[in-house]
Amino acid sequence: MPALKTYVGFISHAWKYHDDYVRLEGMLKNASNFSFRNSSVPKTDGIPMPISDAKLTAAIDEQIRITNIVIILSGMYAAHSDWISKEIAIAAKYQKPIIGVVPWGQQKIPAVVQTASKKVVRWNTDSIVSAIRQHAN
């Protein structure tokens, strides 16, 4: 059997919603016949604080630059996050496709995520994996 392509993705998240981030990362790492490496920094191994906005932006820039895809957990908090907007701008700079993932039980997603995404999918492993395979560079 040929080796699986390893997709490198940046999972955008807010520490306040860290449990969703961990669940999504686990879904992708445990998906059948799919290899995923997360380039984003988890809360458990975060960037040492305090850090300036410029240094944090540069760190996120590098994390996104090396990816095939950017995945945004599109909770309504994203509508009010300056960092989500910065991550979307960095993804655009490197022409990285964005997949919006609607959190479990949520109906609406922020317009900023809807507009920036190549595809918006529900909280379902098969849908997320299919979108990554379809749109990743």
N, C-alpha and C. Protein backbone atom coordinates (compact mmCIF):
# COMPACT_ATOMS: atom_id res chain seq x y z
N MET A 1 0.84 -1.17 0.00
CA MET A 1 0.00 0.00 0.00
C MET A 1 0.89 1.24 0.00
N PRO A 2 0.59 2.23 -0.84
CA PRO A 2 1.39 3.45 -0.87
C PRO A 2 1.23 4.24 0.43
N ALA A 3 2.25 5.02 0.74
CA ALA A 3 2.20 5.84 1.95
C ALA A 3 1.13 6.92 1.81
N LEU A 4 0.51 7.24 2.92
CA LEU A 4 -0.48 8.30 2.93
C LEU A 4 0.19 9.66 2.86
N LYS A 5 -0.43 10.58 2.17
CA LYS A 5 0.05 11.96 2.21
C LYS A 5 -0.22 12.50 3.61
N THR A 6 0.75 13.19 4.17
CA THR A 6 0.55 13.84 5.46
C THR A 6 0.13 15.28 5.20
N TYR A 7 -1.05 15.62 5.66
CA TYR A 7 -1.55 16.98 5.54
C TYR A 7 -1.10 17.76 6.77
N VAL A 8 -0.53 18.92 6.53
CA VAL A 8 -0.10 19.79 7.62
C VAL A 8 -1.13 20.92 7.71
N GLY A 9 -1.72 21.06 8.87
CA GLY A 9 -2.76 22.06 9.04
C GLY A 9 -2.54 22.93 10.26
N PHE A 10 -3.02 24.16 10.16
CA PHE A 10 -3.04 25.07 11.29
C PHE A 10 -4.47 25.12 11.78
N ILE A 11 -4.70 24.76 13.03
CA ILE A 11 -6.04 24.82 13.61
C ILE A 11 -6.15 26.11 14.42
N SER A 12 -6.94 27.03 13.91
CA SER A 12 -7.17 28.30 14.59
C SER A 12 -8.07 28.05 15.80
N HIS A 13 -7.76 28.70 16.90
CA HIS A 13 -8.54 28.45 18.11
C HIS A 13 -8.33 29.56 19.12
N ALA A 14 -9.21 29.57 20.10
CA ALA A 14 -9.09 30.47 21.24
C ALA A 14 -8.90 29.59 22.47
N TRP A 15 -8.02 29.99 23.38
CA TRP A 15 -7.77 29.17 24.56
C TRP A 15 -9.04 28.92 25.35
N LYS A 16 -9.97 29.86 25.32
CA LYS A 16 -11.23 29.70 26.04
C LYS A 16 -12.00 28.47 25.54
N TYR A 17 -11.74 28.09 24.29
CA TYR A 17 -12.43 26.94 23.68
C TYR A 17 -11.45 25.81 23.40
N HIS A 18 -10.50 25.63 24.30
CA HIS A 18 -9.44 24.66 24.11
C HIS A 18 -9.96 23.23 23.98
N ASP A 19 -11.04 22.88 24.66
CA ASP A 19 -11.57 21.52 24.57
C ASP A 19 -12.00 21.18 23.15
N ASP A 20 -12.62 22.13 22.45
CA ASP A 20 -13.01 21.90 21.05
C ASP A 20 -11.77 21.68 20.18
N TYR A 21 -10.74 22.46 20.43
CA TYR A 21 -9.48 22.32 19.69
C TYR A 21 -8.91 20.92 19.88
N VAL A 22 -8.87 20.46 21.13
CA VAL A 22 -8.32 19.13 21.43
C VAL A 22 -9.16 18.04 20.76
N ARG A 23 -10.49 18.18 20.82
CA ARG A 23 -11.38 17.19 20.17
C ARG A 23 -11.15 17.15 18.66
N LEU A 24 -11.07 18.32 18.04
CA LEU A 24 -10.85 18.37 16.59
C LEU A 24 -9.51 17.77 16.21
N GLU A 25 -8.48 18.12 16.94
CA GLU A 25 -7.16 17.55 16.66
C GLU A 25 -7.20 16.03 16.78
N GLY A 26 -7.86 15.52 17.80
CA GLY A 26 -7.99 14.08 17.99
C GLY A 26 -8.77 13.42 16.85
N MET A 27 -9.83 14.06 16.41
CA MET A 27 -10.62 13.52 15.29
C MET A 27 -9.74 13.37 14.05
N LEU A 28 -8.93 14.38 13.77
CA LEU A 28 -8.09 14.35 12.57
C LEU A 28 -6.96 13.34 12.71
N LYS A 29 -6.35 13.26 13.87
CA LYS A 29 -5.25 12.32 14.06
C LYS A 29 -5.72 10.87 14.07
N ASN A 30 -6.98 10.64 14.44
CA ASN A 30 -7.50 9.28 14.51
C ASN A 30 -8.36 8.89 13.32
N ALA A 31 -8.48 9.75 12.32
CA ALA A 31 -9.28 9.43 11.13
C ALA A 31 -8.63 8.28 10.36
N SER A 32 -9.46 7.40 9.83
CA SER A 32 -8.96 6.25 9.06
C SER A 32 -8.33 6.69 7.75
N ASN A 33 -7.22 6.08 7.41
CA ASN A 33 -6.54 6.33 6.14
C ASN A 33 -6.28 7.81 5.90
N PHE A 34 -5.86 8.50 6.93
CA PHE A 34 -5.63 9.93 6.85
C PHE A 34 -4.49 10.28 7.80
N SER A 35 -3.53 11.05 7.32
CA SER A 35 -2.39 11.45 8.14
C SER A 35 -2.38 12.97 8.27
N PHE A 36 -2.42 13.44 9.52
CA PHE A 36 -2.52 14.87 9.79
C PHE A 36 -1.48 15.28 10.82
N ARG A 37 -0.81 16.40 10.54
CA ARG A 37 0.12 16.99 11.50
C ARG A 37 -0.32 18.42 11.76
N ASN A 38 -0.49 18.75 13.01
CA ASN A 38 -0.97 20.06 13.43
C ASN A 38 0.22 21.00 13.63
N SER A 39 0.21 22.13 12.95
CA SER A 39 1.30 23.10 13.09
C SER A 39 1.01 24.17 14.14
N SER A 40 -0.21 24.21 14.67
CA SER A 40 -0.52 25.25 15.66
C SER A 40 -0.02 24.84 17.04
N VAL A 41 0.11 25.82 17.90
CA VAL A 41 0.68 25.60 19.23
C VAL A 41 -0.46 25.34 20.22
N PRO A 42 -0.43 24.18 20.88
CA PRO A 42 -1.48 23.89 21.86
C PRO A 42 -1.27 24.66 23.16
N LYS A 43 -2.34 24.78 23.91
CA LYS A 43 -2.30 25.49 25.19
C LYS A 43 -1.28 24.85 26.13
N THR A 44 -1.16 23.52 26.05
CA THR A 44 -0.26 22.79 26.95
C THR A 44 1.21 23.02 26.64
N ASP A 45 1.51 23.56 25.45
CA ASP A 45 2.89 23.83 25.05
C ASP A 45 2.94 25.21 24.40
N GLY A 46 2.27 26.16 25.02
CA GLY A 46 2.09 27.48 24.43
C GLY A 46 3.37 28.28 24.30
N ILE A 47 3.27 29.36 23.56
CA ILE A 47 4.36 30.30 23.40
C ILE A 47 4.53 31.01 24.74
N PRO A 48 5.77 31.09 25.25
CA PRO A 48 5.99 31.73 26.56
C PRO A 48 5.47 33.16 26.58
N MET A 49 4.78 33.50 27.64
CA MET A 49 4.22 34.83 27.82
C MET A 49 5.04 35.57 28.86
N PRO A 50 5.07 36.85 28.90
CA PRO A 50 4.39 37.75 27.97
C PRO A 50 5.13 37.81 26.64
N ILE A 51 4.38 38.13 25.60
CA ILE A 51 4.94 38.26 24.26
C ILE A 51 4.23 39.42 23.57
N SER A 52 4.96 40.14 22.77
CA SER A 52 4.34 41.27 22.07
C SER A 52 3.44 40.75 20.96
N ASP A 53 2.49 41.58 20.56
CA ASP A 53 1.60 41.21 19.45
C ASP A 53 2.41 40.94 18.19
N ALA A 54 3.47 41.73 17.97
CA ALA A 54 4.29 41.56 16.77
C ALA A 54 4.97 40.19 16.77
N LYS A 55 5.50 39.78 17.92
CA LYS A 55 6.17 38.47 17.99
C LYS A 55 5.17 37.33 17.87
N LEU A 56 3.98 37.49 18.48
CA LEU A 56 2.96 36.46 18.35
C LEU A 56 2.47 36.35 16.91
N THR A 57 2.30 37.48 16.26
CA THR A 57 1.90 37.48 14.85
C THR A 57 2.95 36.79 13.99
N ALA A 58 4.23 37.05 14.25
CA ALA A 58 5.31 36.41 13.50
C ALA A 58 5.32 34.90 13.73
N ALA A 59 5.05 34.47 14.97
CA ALA A 59 5.01 33.03 15.26
C ALA A 59 3.85 32.36 14.54
N ILE A 60 2.69 33.00 14.55
CA ILE A 60 1.52 32.45 13.84
C ILE A 60 1.77 32.45 12.34
N ASP A 61 2.40 33.50 11.84
CA ASP A 61 2.75 33.57 10.41
C ASP A 61 3.56 32.35 10.00
N GLU A 62 4.56 32.00 10.80
CA GLU A 62 5.41 30.85 10.47
C GLU A 62 4.62 29.55 10.56
N GLN A 63 3.74 29.43 11.54
CA GLN A 63 2.93 28.22 11.68
C GLN A 63 2.01 28.04 10.48
N ILE A 64 1.48 29.12 9.95
CA ILE A 64 0.58 29.03 8.79
C ILE A 64 1.38 28.86 7.51
N ARG A 65 2.53 29.50 7.40
CA ARG A 65 3.34 29.41 6.18
C ARG A 65 3.67 27.98 5.79
N ILE A 66 3.89 27.12 6.76
CA ILE A 66 4.33 25.75 6.48
C ILE A 66 3.18 24.76 6.25
N THR A 67 1.94 25.24 6.26
CA THR A 67 0.78 24.34 6.17
C THR A 67 0.29 24.11 4.74
N ASN A 68 -0.58 23.11 4.65
CA ASN A 68 -1.35 22.87 3.42
C ASN A 68 -2.72 23.50 3.52
N ILE A 69 -3.17 23.73 4.76
CA ILE A 69 -4.55 24.17 4.98
C ILE A 69 -4.67 24.85 6.35
N VAL A 70 -5.64 25.76 6.46
CA VAL A 70 -5.96 26.41 7.73
C VAL A 70 -7.39 26.00 8.08
N ILE A 71 -7.56 25.55 9.31
CA ILE A 71 -8.87 25.11 9.78
C ILE A 71 -9.30 26.05 10.89
N ILE A 72 -10.48 26.66 10.71
CA ILE A 72 -10.98 27.60 11.70
C ILE A 72 -12.20 27.01 12.40
N LEU A 73 -12.09 26.85 13.71
CA LEU A 73 -13.24 26.50 14.52
C LEU A 73 -14.12 27.73 14.56
N SER A 74 -15.20 27.68 13.84
CA SER A 74 -15.96 28.91 13.58
C SER A 74 -17.08 29.15 14.57
N GLY A 75 -16.73 29.14 15.84
CA GLY A 75 -17.67 29.54 16.87
C GLY A 75 -17.94 31.03 16.76
N MET A 76 -19.01 31.48 17.35
CA MET A 76 -19.36 32.90 17.24
C MET A 76 -18.32 33.81 17.87
N TYR A 77 -17.48 33.28 18.76
CA TYR A 77 -16.39 34.09 19.31
C TYR A 77 -15.48 34.60 18.20
N ALA A 78 -15.41 33.86 17.09
CA ALA A 78 -14.54 34.26 15.97
C ALA A 78 -14.95 35.61 15.39
N ALA A 79 -16.21 35.95 15.51
CA ALA A 79 -16.69 37.23 14.98
C ALA A 79 -16.09 38.40 15.75
N HIS A 80 -15.65 38.14 16.96
CA HIS A 80 -15.14 39.21 17.81
C HIS A 80 -13.64 39.09 18.06
N SER A 81 -12.97 38.23 17.33
CA SER A 81 -11.55 37.99 17.59
C SER A 81 -10.67 38.68 16.56
N ASP A 82 -9.83 39.58 17.04
CA ASP A 82 -8.85 40.21 16.15
C ASP A 82 -7.88 39.17 15.63
N TRP A 83 -7.58 38.15 16.44
CA TRP A 83 -6.60 37.15 16.03
C TRP A 83 -7.12 36.29 14.89
N ILE A 84 -8.41 35.97 14.88
CA ILE A 84 -8.97 35.20 13.77
C ILE A 84 -8.79 36.00 12.47
N SER A 85 -9.05 37.28 12.53
CA SER A 85 -8.87 38.13 11.34
C SER A 85 -7.42 38.16 10.89
N LYS A 86 -6.49 38.21 11.84
CA LYS A 86 -5.07 38.19 11.50
C LYS A 86 -4.69 36.85 10.86
N GLU A 87 -5.20 35.76 11.42
CA GLU A 87 -4.91 34.43 10.86
C GLU A 87 -5.47 34.29 9.45
N ILE A 88 -6.67 34.82 9.23
CA ILE A 88 -7.25 34.79 7.88
C ILE A 88 -6.38 35.60 6.92
N ALA A 89 -5.91 36.76 7.35
CA ALA A 89 -5.04 37.60 6.50
C ALA A 89 -3.72 36.89 6.19
N ILE A 90 -3.15 36.21 7.17
CA ILE A 90 -1.90 35.48 6.94
C ILE A 90 -2.14 34.33 5.97
N ALA A 91 -3.24 33.61 6.15
CA ALA A 91 -3.58 32.51 5.22
C ALA A 91 -3.72 33.05 3.80
N ALA A 92 -4.36 34.19 3.65
CA ALA A 92 -4.52 34.80 2.32
C ALA A 92 -3.17 35.18 1.74
N LYS A 93 -2.29 35.72 2.57
CA LYS A 93 -0.95 36.11 2.11
C LYS A 93 -0.21 34.94 1.48
N TYR A 94 -0.36 33.75 2.08
CA TYR A 94 0.33 32.56 1.57
C TYR A 94 -0.56 31.69 0.69
N GLN A 95 -1.73 32.19 0.36
CA GLN A 95 -2.70 31.48 -0.47
C GLN A 95 -3.02 30.09 0.10
N LYS A 96 -3.23 30.05 1.40
CA LYS A 96 -3.59 28.81 2.08
C LYS A 96 -5.11 28.72 2.15
N PRO A 97 -5.68 27.64 1.67
CA PRO A 97 -7.14 27.50 1.76
C PRO A 97 -7.59 27.37 3.20
N ILE A 98 -8.80 27.85 3.46
CA ILE A 98 -9.38 27.82 4.79
C ILE A 98 -10.62 26.94 4.77
N ILE A 99 -10.71 26.07 5.77
CA ILE A 99 -11.91 25.27 6.00
C ILE A 99 -12.52 25.76 7.30
N GLY A 100 -13.79 26.15 7.27
CA GLY A 100 -14.49 26.53 8.48
C GLY A 100 -15.20 25.30 9.05
N VAL A 101 -15.06 25.08 10.34
CA VAL A 101 -15.72 23.95 10.99
C VAL A 101 -16.73 24.51 11.99
N VAL A 102 -17.99 24.16 11.78
CA VAL A 102 -19.06 24.61 12.65
C VAL A 102 -19.05 23.75 13.91
N PRO A 103 -18.84 24.35 15.08
CA PRO A 103 -18.82 23.57 16.32
C PRO A 103 -20.13 22.82 16.55
N TRP A 104 -19.99 21.71 17.25
CA TRP A 104 -21.14 20.84 17.54
C TRP A 104 -22.27 21.64 18.19
N GLY A 105 -23.47 21.52 17.64
CA GLY A 105 -24.64 22.16 18.21
C GLY A 105 -24.85 23.61 17.82
N GLN A 106 -23.94 24.17 17.07
CA GLN A 106 -24.06 25.58 16.67
C GLN A 106 -24.71 25.68 15.30
N GLN A 107 -25.49 26.71 15.09
CA GLN A 107 -26.18 26.90 13.81
C GLN A 107 -25.52 27.97 12.94
N LYS A 108 -25.12 29.07 13.55
CA LYS A 108 -24.56 30.19 12.81
C LYS A 108 -23.04 30.19 12.89
N ILE A 109 -22.43 30.78 11.86
CA ILE A 109 -20.99 31.02 11.92
C ILE A 109 -20.74 32.48 11.54
N PRO A 110 -19.65 33.04 11.99
CA PRO A 110 -19.37 34.45 11.68
C PRO A 110 -19.18 34.67 10.18
N ALA A 111 -19.64 35.81 9.71
CA ALA A 111 -19.51 36.16 8.30
C ALA A 111 -18.05 36.17 7.85
N VAL A 112 -17.14 36.61 8.73
CA VAL A 112 -15.73 36.67 8.37
C VAL A 112 -15.19 35.27 8.03
N VAL A 113 -15.63 34.26 8.76
CA VAL A 113 -15.20 32.89 8.49
C VAL A 113 -15.89 32.35 7.24
N GLN A 114 -17.18 32.60 7.11
CA GLN A 114 -17.95 32.16 5.93
C GLN A 114 -17.32 32.70 4.65
N THR A 115 -16.97 33.97 4.65
CA THR A 115 -16.41 34.62 3.46
C THR A 115 -15.02 34.09 3.12
N ALA A 116 -14.21 33.84 4.13
CA ALA A 116 -12.82 33.43 3.90
C ALA A 116 -12.67 31.95 3.56
N SER A 117 -13.67 31.14 3.89
CA SER A 117 -13.54 29.69 3.75
C SER A 117 -13.80 29.19 2.34
N LYS A 118 -12.97 28.23 1.93
CA LYS A 118 -13.24 27.51 0.68
C LYS A 118 -14.46 26.62 0.87
N LYS A 119 -14.60 26.11 2.10
CA LYS A 119 -15.72 25.24 2.41
C LYS A 119 -15.99 25.35 3.91
N VAL A 120 -17.26 25.27 4.26
CA VAL A 120 -17.67 25.21 5.66
C VAL A 120 -18.31 23.85 5.87
N VAL A 121 -17.87 23.15 6.90
CA VAL A 121 -18.38 21.81 7.18
C VAL A 121 -18.86 21.72 8.62
N ARG A 122 -19.69 20.75 8.87
CA ARG A 122 -20.19 20.48 10.22
C ARG A 122 -19.16 19.68 11.00
N TRP A 123 -19.39 19.52 12.27
CA TRP A 123 -18.52 18.82 13.21
C TRP A 123 -18.66 17.32 12.96
N ASN A 124 -17.98 16.84 11.91
CA ASN A 124 -18.05 15.44 11.51
C ASN A 124 -16.71 15.08 10.88
N THR A 125 -16.08 14.03 11.39
CA THR A 125 -14.74 13.66 10.93
C THR A 125 -14.69 13.48 9.42
N ASP A 126 -15.63 12.72 8.85
CA ASP A 126 -15.59 12.45 7.41
C ASP A 126 -15.71 13.73 6.58
N SER A 127 -16.59 14.63 7.00
CA SER A 127 -16.76 15.90 6.27
C SER A 127 -15.50 16.75 6.34
N ILE A 128 -14.89 16.81 7.51
CA ILE A 128 -13.68 17.63 7.68
C ILE A 128 -12.53 17.05 6.87
N VAL A 129 -12.33 15.73 6.96
CA VAL A 129 -11.26 15.07 6.21
C VAL A 129 -11.48 15.23 4.72
N SER A 130 -12.69 15.06 4.26
CA SER A 130 -12.99 15.22 2.84
C SER A 130 -12.68 16.64 2.36
N ALA A 131 -13.04 17.64 3.15
CA ALA A 131 -12.76 19.04 2.78
C ALA A 131 -11.25 19.29 2.73
N ILE A 132 -10.52 18.74 3.68
CA ILE A 132 -9.07 18.91 3.67
C ILE A 132 -8.48 18.27 2.42
N ARG A 133 -8.87 17.04 2.12
CA ARG A 133 -8.35 16.36 0.93
C ARG A 133 -8.70 17.14 -0.35
N GLN A 134 -9.87 17.70 -0.39
CA GLN A 134 -10.32 18.42 -1.59
C GLN A 134 -9.61 19.75 -1.77
N HIS A 135 -9.30 20.46 -0.68
CA HIS A 135 -8.82 21.84 -0.82
C HIS A 135 -7.37 22.10 -0.43
N ALA A 136 -6.73 21.17 0.26
CA ALA A 136 -5.35 21.42 0.72
C ALA A 136 -4.40 21.58 -0.45
N ASN A 137 -3.45 22.50 -0.30
CA ASN A 137 -2.43 22.73 -1.34
C ASN A 137 -1.45 21.57 -1.36
